[in-house]
Amino acid sequence: MKRAAVLLFSVLCAASVSAGALTPPPPSLDIPATPPAWVSLGAPDAPSWLQAPATCAARPCSLVVVSHPRGQSAERLRDSPQVGVLTSTLLQGGFAVLLSSDGGPATWGSPAALSELGATHAAATRRFAWNGRTFALGLSMGGLMALRSALPGAPYPVSGLALIDAWVDLDQAYGTAVTRRTEIQTAYTVSGALPAALNPLVAAQTAPRQPLLTVFSEEDQTVPHATNSARLFEVFGRHPDSVQLRVSGAHLGGNRFTPELGAHLAAFFGRLEARTPAPTEVPMLRSR
């Protein structure tokens, strides 16, 4: 009996060694000693969130500023698995990402909110090795902020603009629903008709041409493509690097948050980064 048990133990040991020989070891993961993390910036009650990839230490990075949809926040974007697909792709592509609070959940790209974003941008670019280039990415309502930041008079220069199902015609948003009208009146401190000068789509008509990537669906019933990003593309589409990407489905559907679309964004910004001359002076990274 004892001899049989010893024999069985020997067989199991041999089988274990054999199985181990047939199973390849798991691949080693290239995990940095201190993984990058989101850093809070700006007002405590409505913070923005910054993350810079570890590669910025060896090669200064461009910054992508992401402006959120209506009723959302930078924190919601940070915690969203869907948005995380896009931001992780940008981070892996060597871009720092700033999830902007845009001054609140429903500021509709107002000049006051842009001024607040300007201060946050200045603080963000002191937290990592920045190469002086900034790109703007706007989701839905965030398209108004992204576009306004790319126009003359903005607090920092923008080297390229990407929009996903985005509003860019403030006047149309103002006239589509009472709730939107009330929010815009509050954000812009106006009543009655909006002055044309406040509409970034109007200002874009005479602005320098920006490289523009638009992601849109003809089935979007929330933000009409034909009267928003299509009209902006009539102007900025004259830039040789501008491109339109048509998708299907409802507003901000899941196909806007895929690795493939993230790769489109990273490639678009990467092409612009390679073609945009670096500024002669870039603020130095400050110790913190």
C-alpha atoms as a PDB file:
ATOM      1  CA  MET A   1       0.000   0.000   0.000  1.00  0.00           C
ATOM      2  CA  LYS A   2       2.746   2.402   1.002  1.00  0.00           C
ATOM      3  CA  ARG A   3       4.734   1.469  -2.101  1.00  0.00           C
ATOM      4  CA  ALA A   4       1.678   2.124  -4.293  1.00  0.00           C
ATOM      5  CA  ALA A   5       1.197   5.557  -2.734  1.00  0.00           C
ATOM      6  CA  VAL A   6       4.837   6.454  -3.356  1.00  0.00           C
ATOM      7  CA  LEU A   7       4.514   5.295  -6.964  1.00  0.00           C
ATOM      8  CA  LEU A   8       1.334   7.381  -7.448  1.00  0.00           C
ATOM      9  CA  PHE A   9       3.043  10.460  -5.974  1.00  0.00           C
ATOM     10  CA  SER A  10       5.977   9.984  -8.395  1.00  0.00           C
ATOM     11  CA  VAL A  11       3.617   9.746 -11.373  1.00  0.00           C
ATOM     12  CA  LEU A  12       1.755  12.926 -10.355  1.00  0.00           C
ATOM     13  CA  CYS A  13       5.036  14.807  -9.925  1.00  0.00           C
ATOM     14  CA  ALA A  14       6.190  13.717 -13.359  1.00  0.00           C
ATOM     15  CA  ALA A  15       2.868  14.740 -14.872  1.00  0.00           C
ATOM     16  CA  SER A  16       3.128  18.111 -13.182  1.00  0.00           C
ATOM     17  CA  VAL A  17       6.620  18.698 -14.594  1.00  0.00           C
ATOM     18  CA  SER A  18       5.473  17.579 -18.038  1.00  0.00           C
ATOM     19  CA  ALA A  19       2.440  19.873 -17.964  1.00  0.00           C
ATOM     20  CA  GLY A  20       4.632  22.766 -16.878  1.00  0.00           C
ATOM     21  CA  ALA A  21       6.951  22.113 -19.792  1.00  0.00           C
ATOM     22  CA  LEU A  22       4.050  22.272 -22.236  1.00  0.00           C
ATOM     23  CA  THR A  23       2.551  25.513 -20.803  1.00  0.00           C
ATOM     24  CA  PRO A  24       4.530  28.606 -21.793  1.00  0.00           C
ATOM     25  CA  PRO A  25       5.170  31.118 -19.019  1.00  0.00           C
ATOM     26  CA  PRO A  26       2.933  34.199 -19.020  1.00  0.00           C
ATOM     27  CA  PRO A  27       4.404  37.117 -20.964  1.00  0.00           C
ATOM     28  CA  SER A  28       6.148  39.751 -18.897  1.00  0.00           C
ATOM     29  CA  LEU A  29       4.221  43.019 -18.664  1.00  0.00           C
ATOM     30  CA  ASP A  30       5.948  46.300 -19.308  1.00  0.00           C
ATOM     31  CA  ILE A  31       4.509  48.098 -16.286  1.00  0.00           C
ATOM     32  CA  PRO A  32       6.276  51.259 -15.131  1.00  0.00           C
ATOM     33  CA  ALA A  33       7.472  51.333 -11.540  1.00  0.00           C
ATOM     34  CA  THR A  34       5.095  54.228 -10.861  1.00  0.00           C
ATOM     35  CA  PRO A  35       2.112  54.039 -13.220  1.00  0.00           C
ATOM     36  CA  PRO A  36       0.726  57.418 -14.345  1.00  0.00           C
ATOM     37  CA  ALA A  37      -2.390  58.563 -12.507  1.00  0.00           C
ATOM     38  CA  TRP A  38      -5.030  61.224 -12.948  1.00  0.00           C
ATOM     39  CA  VAL A  39      -4.159  64.498 -11.219  1.00  0.00           C
ATOM     40  CA  SER A  40      -6.860  66.931 -10.119  1.00  0.00           C
ATOM     41  CA  LEU A  41      -6.551  70.551 -11.253  1.00  0.00           C
ATOM     42  CA  GLY A  42      -8.702  73.649 -10.957  1.00  0.00           C
ATOM     43  CA  ALA A  43     -11.680  74.353  -8.736  1.00  0.00           C
ATOM     44  CA  PRO A  44     -12.306  71.697  -6.049  1.00  0.00           C
ATOM     45  CA  ASP A  45     -16.057  71.715  -6.736  1.00  0.00           C
ATOM     46  CA  ALA A  46     -15.570  71.214 -10.495  1.00  0.00           C
ATOM     47  CA  PRO A  47     -12.070  69.822 -11.044  1.00  0.00           C
ATOM     48  CA  SER A  48     -10.371  68.957 -14.294  1.00  0.00           C
ATOM     49  CA  TRP A  49      -8.199  65.848 -14.508  1.00  0.00           C
ATOM     50  CA  LEU A  50      -4.773  65.480 -16.096  1.00  0.00           C
ATOM     51  CA  GLN A  51      -2.754  62.406 -16.962  1.00  0.00           C
ATOM     52  CA  ALA A  52       0.589  62.362 -18.753  1.00  0.00           C
ATOM     53  CA  PRO A  53       2.230  59.153 -19.970  1.00  0.00           C
ATOM     54  CA  ALA A  54       5.565  58.147 -18.493  1.00  0.00           C
ATOM     55  CA  THR A  55       7.139  58.625 -21.929  1.00  0.00           C
ATOM     56  CA  CYS A  56       6.824  62.396 -21.521  1.00  0.00           C
ATOM     57  CA  ALA A  57       9.851  62.287 -19.236  1.00  0.00           C
ATOM     58  CA  ALA A  58      12.051  61.226 -22.160  1.00  0.00           C
ATOM     59  CA  ARG A  59      10.212  63.043 -24.957  1.00  0.00           C
ATOM     60  CA  PRO A  60       8.057  66.117 -24.278  1.00  0.00           C
ATOM     61  CA  CYS A  61       4.386  65.514 -25.068  1.00  0.00           C
ATOM     62  CA  SER A  62       1.559  67.337 -26.758  1.00  0.00           C
ATOM     63  CA  LEU A  63      -1.603  67.931 -24.728  1.00  0.00           C
ATOM     64  CA  VAL A  64      -5.115  66.869 -25.788  1.00  0.00           C
ATOM     65  CA  VAL A  65      -7.857  68.854 -24.023  1.00  0.00           C
ATOM     66  CA  VAL A  66     -11.159  66.938 -23.874  1.00  0.00           C
ATOM     67  CA  SER A  67     -14.414  68.893 -23.411  1.00  0.00           C
ATOM     68  CA  HIS A  68     -17.409  66.975 -22.086  1.00  0.00           C
ATOM     69  CA  PRO A  69     -21.052  66.595 -23.183  1.00  0.00           C
ATOM     70  CA  ARG A  70     -23.951  68.471 -21.613  1.00  0.00           C
ATOM     71  CA  GLY A  71     -24.736  67.537 -18.027  1.00  0.00           C
ATOM     72  CA  GLN A  72     -21.445  65.682 -17.610  1.00  0.00           C
ATOM     73  CA  SER A  73     -18.193  66.475 -15.823  1.00  0.00           C
ATOM     74  CA  ALA A  74     -14.502  65.752 -16.139  1.00  0.00           C
ATOM     75  CA  GLU A  75     -14.864  63.266 -13.296  1.00  0.00           C
ATOM     76  CA  ARG A  76     -17.574  61.390 -15.174  1.00  0.00           C
ATOM     77  CA  LEU A  77     -15.309  61.196 -18.220  1.00  0.00           C
ATOM     78  CA  ARG A  78     -12.443  59.975 -16.055  1.00  0.00           C
ATOM     79  CA  ASP A  79     -14.563  57.141 -14.648  1.00  0.00           C
ATOM     80  CA  SER A  80     -16.311  56.212 -17.912  1.00  0.00           C
ATOM     81  CA  PRO A  81     -15.114  52.896 -19.404  1.00  0.00           C
ATOM     82  CA  GLN A  82     -16.235  54.098 -22.839  1.00  0.00           C
ATOM     83  CA  VAL A  83     -14.317  57.377 -22.736  1.00  0.00           C
ATOM     84  CA  GLY A  84     -11.446  55.471 -21.154  1.00  0.00           C
ATOM     85  CA  VAL A  85     -11.016  53.559 -24.417  1.00  0.00           C
ATOM     86  CA  LEU A  86     -10.246  56.831 -26.200  1.00  0.00           C
ATOM     87  CA  THR A  87      -8.094  58.378 -23.475  1.00  0.00           C
ATOM     88  CA  SER A  88      -6.038  55.226 -22.975  1.00  0.00           C
ATOM     89  CA  THR A  89      -5.342  55.091 -26.713  1.00  0.00           C
ATOM     90  CA  LEU A  90      -4.189  58.711 -26.674  1.00  0.00           C
ATOM     91  CA  LEU A  91      -2.011  58.104 -23.622  1.00  0.00           C
ATOM     92  CA  GLN A  92      -0.465  55.039 -25.244  1.00  0.00           C
ATOM     93  CA  GLY A  93       0.186  57.203 -28.297  1.00  0.00           C
ATOM     94  CA  GLY A  94       2.326  59.547 -26.211  1.00  0.00           C
ATOM     95  CA  PHE A  95      -0.210  62.339 -25.635  1.00  0.00           C
ATOM     96  CA  ALA A  96      -0.987  63.912 -22.291  1.00  0.00           C
ATOM     97  CA  VAL A  97      -4.747  64.196 -21.707  1.00  0.00           C
ATOM     98  CA  LEU A  98      -6.616  66.932 -19.847  1.00  0.00           C
ATOM     99  CA  LEU A  99     -10.259  66.141 -19.096  1.00  0.00           C
ATOM    100  CA  SER A 100     -11.667  69.643 -18.769  1.00  0.00           C
ATOM    101  CA  SER A 101     -14.453  70.557 -16.363  1.00  0.00           C
ATOM    102  CA  ASP A 102     -15.343  73.368 -18.799  1.00  0.00           C
ATOM    103  CA  GLY A 103     -16.436  75.442 -15.817  1.00  0.00           C
ATOM    104  CA  GLY A 104     -19.439  73.234 -15.060  1.00  0.00           C
ATOM    105  CA  PRO A 105     -21.892  70.728 -16.525  1.00  0.00           C
ATOM    106  CA  ALA A 106     -23.759  73.096 -18.879  1.00  0.00           C
ATOM    107  CA  THR A 107     -21.587  76.074 -19.815  1.00  0.00           C
ATOM    108  CA  TRP A 108     -22.056  75.631 -23.579  1.00  0.00           C
ATOM    109  CA  GLY A 109     -18.567  76.854 -24.467  1.00  0.00           C
ATOM    110  CA  SER A 110     -19.032  80.282 -22.891  1.00  0.00           C
ATOM    111  CA  PRO A 111     -16.173  82.819 -22.851  1.00  0.00           C
ATOM    112  CA  ALA A 112     -16.165  82.720 -19.035  1.00  0.00           C
ATOM    113  CA  ALA A 113     -15.770  78.937 -19.074  1.00  0.00           C
ATOM    114  CA  LEU A 114     -12.969  79.231 -21.646  1.00  0.00           C
ATOM    115  CA  SER A 115     -11.189  81.701 -19.384  1.00  0.00           C
ATOM    116  CA  GLU A 116     -11.367  79.149 -16.570  1.00  0.00           C
ATOM    117  CA  LEU A 117     -10.073  76.459 -18.916  1.00  0.00           C
ATOM    118  CA  GLY A 118      -7.198  78.754 -19.861  1.00  0.00           C
ATOM    119  CA  ALA A 119      -6.073  78.901 -16.229  1.00  0.00           C
ATOM    120  CA  THR A 120      -6.397  75.115 -15.936  1.00  0.00           C
ATOM    121  CA  HIS A 121      -4.421  74.624 -19.156  1.00  0.00           C
ATOM    122  CA  ALA A 122      -1.621  76.827 -17.798  1.00  0.00           C
ATOM    123  CA  ALA A 123      -1.524  74.788 -14.591  1.00  0.00           C
ATOM    124  CA  ALA A 124      -1.617  71.491 -16.499  1.00  0.00           C
ATOM    125  CA  THR A 125       1.287  72.315 -18.792  1.00  0.00           C
ATOM    126  CA  ARG A 126       3.473  72.984 -15.759  1.00  0.00           C
ATOM    127  CA  ARG A 127       2.884  69.456 -14.468  1.00  0.00           C
ATOM    128  CA  PHE A 128       4.660  67.513 -17.225  1.00  0.00           C
ATOM    129  CA  ALA A 129       7.232  67.978 -19.985  1.00  0.00           C
ATOM    130  CA  TRP A 130       5.067  69.774 -22.548  1.00  0.00           C
ATOM    131  CA  ASN A 131       6.233  70.372 -26.115  1.00  0.00           C
ATOM    132  CA  GLY A 132       4.059  73.459 -26.582  1.00  0.00           C
ATOM    133  CA  ARG A 133       1.383  71.848 -28.773  1.00  0.00           C
ATOM    134  CA  THR A 134      -2.266  71.572 -27.743  1.00  0.00           C
ATOM    135  CA  PHE A 135      -5.093  69.738 -29.510  1.00  0.00           C
ATOM    136  CA  ALA A 136      -8.810  70.037 -28.708  1.00  0.00           C
ATOM    137  CA  LEU A 137     -11.357  67.206 -28.623  1.00  0.00           C
ATOM    138  CA  GLY A 138     -15.038  68.039 -28.103  1.00  0.00           C
ATOM    139  CA  LEU A 139     -17.866  65.603 -27.380  1.00  0.00           C
ATOM    140  CA  SER A 140     -21.414  66.803 -28.131  1.00  0.00           C
ATOM    141  CA  MET A 141     -21.843  70.118 -26.214  1.00  0.00           C
ATOM    142  CA  GLY A 142     -18.069  70.064 -25.699  1.00  0.00           C
ATOM    143  CA  GLY A 143     -17.682  70.854 -29.386  1.00  0.00           C
ATOM    144  CA  LEU A 144     -18.539  74.484 -28.640  1.00  0.00           C
ATOM    145  CA  MET A 145     -15.721  74.766 -26.097  1.00  0.00           C
ATOM    146  CA  ALA A 146     -13.275  72.907 -28.330  1.00  0.00           C
ATOM    147  CA  LEU A 147     -14.076  75.180 -31.270  1.00  0.00           C
ATOM    148  CA  ARG A 148     -13.944  78.378 -29.202  1.00  0.00           C
ATOM    149  CA  SER A 149     -10.524  77.371 -27.866  1.00  0.00           C
ATOM    150  CA  ALA A 150      -9.272  77.052 -31.461  1.00  0.00           C
ATOM    151  CA  LEU A 151     -10.333  80.573 -32.474  1.00  0.00           C
ATOM    152  CA  PRO A 152      -8.312  83.795 -32.299  1.00  0.00           C
ATOM    153  CA  GLY A 153      -8.275  85.351 -28.845  1.00  0.00           C
ATOM    154  CA  ALA A 154      -8.245  82.035 -26.979  1.00  0.00           C
ATOM    155  CA  PRO A 155      -5.906  81.817 -23.971  1.00  0.00           C
ATOM    156  CA  TYR A 156      -3.623  79.252 -25.661  1.00  0.00           C
ATOM    157  CA  PRO A 157      -2.976  78.198 -29.280  1.00  0.00           C
ATOM    158  CA  VAL A 158      -4.603  75.024 -30.610  1.00  0.00           C
ATOM    159  CA  SER A 159      -2.889  73.031 -33.371  1.00  0.00           C
ATOM    160  CA  GLY A 160      -5.834  70.852 -34.379  1.00  0.00           C
ATOM    161  CA  LEU A 161      -9.471  70.151 -33.570  1.00  0.00           C
ATOM    162  CA  ALA A 162     -11.445  66.879 -33.332  1.00  0.00           C
ATOM    163  CA  LEU A 163     -15.208  66.717 -32.808  1.00  0.00           C
ATOM    164  CA  ILE A 164     -17.499  63.779 -32.023  1.00  0.00           C
ATOM    165  CA  ASP A 165     -21.260  64.317 -32.558  1.00  0.00           C
ATOM    166  CA  ALA A 166     -20.580  67.929 -31.703  1.00  0.00           C
ATOM    167  CA  TRP A 167     -22.524  71.131 -31.391  1.00  0.00           C
ATOM    168  CA  VAL A 168     -20.763  74.073 -33.019  1.00  0.00           C
ATOM    169  CA  ASP A 169     -23.759  76.299 -33.846  1.00  0.00           C
ATOM    170  CA  LEU A 170     -24.650  77.983 -30.560  1.00  0.00           C
ATOM    171  CA  ASP A 171     -27.619  79.790 -32.081  1.00  0.00           C
ATOM    172  CA  GLN A 172     -29.215  76.526 -33.177  1.00  0.00           C
ATOM    173  CA  ALA A 173     -28.707  74.974 -29.736  1.00  0.00           C
ATOM    174  CA  TYR A 174     -30.272  78.094 -28.229  1.00  0.00           C
ATOM    175  CA  GLY A 175     -33.393  77.693 -30.320  1.00  0.00           C
ATOM    176  CA  THR A 176     -33.992  73.948 -30.022  1.00  0.00           C
ATOM    177  CA  ALA A 177     -35.275  73.525 -26.447  1.00  0.00           C
ATOM    178  CA  VAL A 178     -36.310  75.688 -23.507  1.00  0.00           C
ATOM    179  CA  THR A 179     -33.920  73.876 -21.173  1.00  0.00           C
ATOM    180  CA  ARG A 180     -30.961  74.513 -23.468  1.00  0.00           C
ATOM    181  CA  ARG A 181     -31.986  78.141 -23.884  1.00  0.00           C
ATOM    182  CA  THR A 182     -32.116  78.636 -20.109  1.00  0.00           C
ATOM    183  CA  GLU A 183     -28.701  77.030 -19.616  1.00  0.00           C
ATOM    184  CA  ILE A 184     -27.148  79.156 -22.366  1.00  0.00           C
ATOM    185  CA  GLN A 185     -28.688  82.343 -20.975  1.00  0.00           C
ATOM    186  CA  THR A 186     -27.170  81.536 -17.586  1.00  0.00           C
ATOM    187  CA  ALA A 187     -23.764  80.602 -18.998  1.00  0.00           C
ATOM    188  CA  TYR A 188     -23.549  83.654 -21.260  1.00  0.00           C
ATOM    189  CA  THR A 189     -25.456  86.061 -18.962  1.00  0.00           C
ATOM    190  CA  VAL A 190     -27.791  87.120 -21.780  1.00  0.00           C
ATOM    191  CA  SER A 191     -31.523  87.282 -22.377  1.00  0.00           C
ATOM    192  CA  GLY A 192     -33.421  87.494 -25.614  1.00  0.00           C
ATOM    193  CA  ALA A 193     -31.642  86.912 -28.906  1.00  0.00           C
ATOM    194  CA  LEU A 194     -27.997  85.865 -28.848  1.00  0.00           C
ATOM    195  CA  PRO A 195     -25.522  88.322 -30.393  1.00  0.00           C
ATOM    196  CA  ALA A 196     -23.962  86.712 -33.475  1.00  0.00           C
ATOM    197  CA  ALA A 197     -20.504  87.485 -32.098  1.00  0.00           C
ATOM    198  CA  LEU A 198     -21.052  84.900 -29.346  1.00  0.00           C
ATOM    199  CA  ASN A 199     -21.559  82.059 -31.826  1.00  0.00           C
ATOM    200  CA  PRO A 200     -18.217  80.280 -32.450  1.00  0.00           C
ATOM    201  CA  LEU A 201     -19.483  78.956 -35.780  1.00  0.00           C
ATOM    202  CA  VAL A 202     -19.923  82.537 -36.980  1.00  0.00           C
ATOM    203  CA  ALA A 203     -16.452  83.485 -35.741  1.00  0.00           C
ATOM    204  CA  ALA A 204     -14.963  80.450 -37.495  1.00  0.00           C
ATOM    205  CA  GLN A 205     -16.018  81.808 -40.890  1.00  0.00           C
ATOM    206  CA  THR A 206     -13.246  84.415 -40.795  1.00  0.00           C
ATOM    207  CA  ALA A 207     -10.745  82.582 -38.575  1.00  0.00           C
ATOM    208  CA  PRO A 208      -7.514  80.959 -39.790  1.00  0.00           C
ATOM    209  CA  ARG A 209      -8.197  77.466 -41.118  1.00  0.00           C
ATOM    210  CA  GLN A 210      -7.693  74.726 -38.545  1.00  0.00           C
ATOM    211  CA  PRO A 211      -7.075  71.029 -39.225  1.00  0.00           C
ATOM    212  CA  LEU A 212     -10.404  69.383 -38.358  1.00  0.00           C
ATOM    213  CA  LEU A 213     -11.496  65.788 -37.755  1.00  0.00           C
ATOM    214  CA  THR A 214     -15.257  65.327 -37.461  1.00  0.00           C
ATOM    215  CA  VAL A 215     -16.933  62.095 -36.376  1.00  0.00           C
ATOM    216  CA  PHE A 216     -20.651  62.144 -37.191  1.00  0.00           C
ATOM    217  CA  SER A 217     -23.735  60.076 -37.914  1.00  0.00           C
ATOM    218  CA  GLU A 218     -26.573  61.046 -40.223  1.00  0.00           C
ATOM    219  CA  GLU A 219     -28.847  59.194 -37.775  1.00  0.00           C
ATOM    220  CA  ASP A 220     -27.964  61.513 -34.878  1.00  0.00           C
ATOM    221  CA  GLN A 221     -31.271  63.037 -33.728  1.00  0.00           C
ATOM    222  CA  THR A 222     -29.716  65.089 -30.909  1.00  0.00           C
ATOM    223  CA  VAL A 223     -27.148  67.189 -32.765  1.00  0.00           C
ATOM    224  CA  PRO A 224     -27.972  67.633 -36.464  1.00  0.00           C
ATOM    225  CA  HIS A 225     -24.801  67.003 -38.436  1.00  0.00           C
ATOM    226  CA  ALA A 226     -25.887  68.999 -41.483  1.00  0.00           C
ATOM    227  CA  THR A 227     -26.191  72.233 -39.516  1.00  0.00           C
ATOM    228  CA  ASN A 228     -23.241  71.747 -37.178  1.00  0.00           C
ATOM    229  CA  SER A 229     -20.011  69.907 -37.993  1.00  0.00           C
ATOM    230  CA  ALA A 230     -20.897  69.784 -41.705  1.00  0.00           C
ATOM    231  CA  ARG A 231     -21.112  73.579 -41.800  1.00  0.00           C
ATOM    232  CA  LEU A 232     -17.855  73.917 -39.912  1.00  0.00           C
ATOM    233  CA  PHE A 233     -16.222  71.476 -42.314  1.00  0.00           C
ATOM    234  CA  GLU A 234     -17.217  73.729 -45.206  1.00  0.00           C
ATOM    235  CA  VAL A 235     -14.747  76.218 -43.723  1.00  0.00           C
ATOM    236  CA  PHE A 236     -12.077  74.199 -41.909  1.00  0.00           C
ATOM    237  CA  GLY A 237     -12.346  71.374 -44.425  1.00  0.00           C
ATOM    238  CA  ARG A 238     -10.285  73.496 -46.784  1.00  0.00           C
ATOM    239  CA  HIS A 239      -7.263  72.652 -44.656  1.00  0.00           C
ATOM    240  CA  PRO A 240      -5.389  69.764 -46.332  1.00  0.00           C
ATOM    241  CA  ASP A 241      -5.248  67.729 -43.103  1.00  0.00           C
ATOM    242  CA  SER A 242      -8.993  67.932 -42.390  1.00  0.00           C
ATOM    243  CA  VAL A 243     -11.004  64.708 -42.563  1.00  0.00           C
ATOM    244  CA  GLN A 244     -14.572  63.507 -41.958  1.00  0.00           C
ATOM    245  CA  LEU A 245     -15.355  60.119 -40.416  1.00  0.00           C
ATOM    246  CA  ARG A 246     -18.916  58.895 -40.855  1.00  0.00           C
ATOM    247  CA  VAL A 247     -20.330  56.343 -38.420  1.00  0.00           C
ATOM    248  CA  SER A 248     -23.811  54.929 -37.869  1.00  0.00           C
ATOM    249  CA  GLY A 249     -26.289  55.008 -35.035  1.00  0.00           C
ATOM    250  CA  ALA A 250     -27.697  57.383 -32.458  1.00  0.00           C
ATOM    251  CA  HIS A 251     -25.980  60.252 -30.666  1.00  0.00           C
ATOM    252  CA  LEU A 252     -22.755  59.255 -28.885  1.00  0.00           C
ATOM    253  CA  GLY A 253     -23.328  55.584 -29.595  1.00  0.00           C
ATOM    254  CA  GLY A 254     -20.866  52.903 -28.614  1.00  0.00           C
ATOM    255  CA  ASN A 255     -19.068  52.954 -31.968  1.00  0.00           C
ATOM    256  CA  ARG A 256     -17.652  56.366 -31.030  1.00  0.00           C
ATOM    257  CA  PHE A 257     -15.710  54.759 -28.178  1.00  0.00           C
ATOM    258  CA  THR A 258     -13.743  51.950 -29.781  1.00  0.00           C
ATOM    259  CA  PRO A 259     -10.016  51.276 -30.051  1.00  0.00           C
ATOM    260  CA  GLU A 260     -10.343  51.877 -33.793  1.00  0.00           C
ATOM    261  CA  LEU A 261     -11.769  55.351 -33.337  1.00  0.00           C
ATOM    262  CA  GLY A 262      -9.195  56.087 -30.651  1.00  0.00           C
ATOM    263  CA  ALA A 263      -6.522  55.098 -33.158  1.00  0.00           C
ATOM    264  CA  HIS A 264      -8.034  57.532 -35.696  1.00  0.00           C
ATOM    265  CA  LEU A 265      -7.768  60.338 -33.141  1.00  0.00           C
ATOM    266  CA  ALA A 266      -4.197  59.455 -32.181  1.00  0.00           C
ATOM    267  CA  ALA A 267      -3.149  59.203 -35.832  1.00  0.00           C
ATOM    268  CA  PHE A 268      -4.784  62.549 -36.679  1.00  0.00           C
ATOM    269  CA  PHE A 269      -3.092  64.351 -33.800  1.00  0.00           C
ATOM    270  CA  GLY A 270       0.151  62.516 -34.529  1.00  0.00           C
ATOM    271  CA  ARG A 271       0.223  63.726 -38.129  1.00  0.00           C
ATOM    272  CA  LEU A 272      -0.387  67.282 -36.992  1.00  0.00           C
ATOM    273  CA  GLU A 273       2.251  66.987 -34.292  1.00  0.00           C
ATOM    274  CA  ALA A 274       4.824  65.934 -36.880  1.00  0.00           C
ATOM    275  CA  ARG A 275       3.922  68.847 -39.179  1.00  0.00           C
ATOM    276  CA  THR A 276       3.469  71.606 -36.613  1.00  0.00           C
ATOM    277  CA  PRO A 277       6.680  73.491 -35.800  1.00  0.00           C
ATOM    278  CA  ALA A 278       7.511  73.371 -32.122  1.00  0.00           C
ATOM    279  CA  PRO A 279       7.238  76.728 -30.342  1.00  0.00           C
ATOM    280  CA  THR A 280      10.522  78.520 -29.805  1.00  0.00           C
ATOM    281  CA  GLU A 281       9.785  78.914 -26.114  1.00  0.00           C
ATOM    282  CA  VAL A 282       7.982  76.360 -23.978  1.00  0.00           C
ATOM    283  CA  PRO A 283       7.357  76.841 -20.248  1.00  0.00           C
ATOM    284  CA  MET A 284       9.733  74.746 -18.185  1.00  0.00           C
ATOM    285  CA  LEU A 285       8.379  71.944 -16.011  1.00  0.00           C
ATOM    286  CA  ARG A 286       8.141  73.226 -12.474  1.00  0.00           C
ATOM    287  CA  SER A 287       8.850  71.131  -9.440  1.00  0.00           C
ATOM    288  CA  ARG A 288       5.862  70.427  -7.236  1.00  0.00           C
END
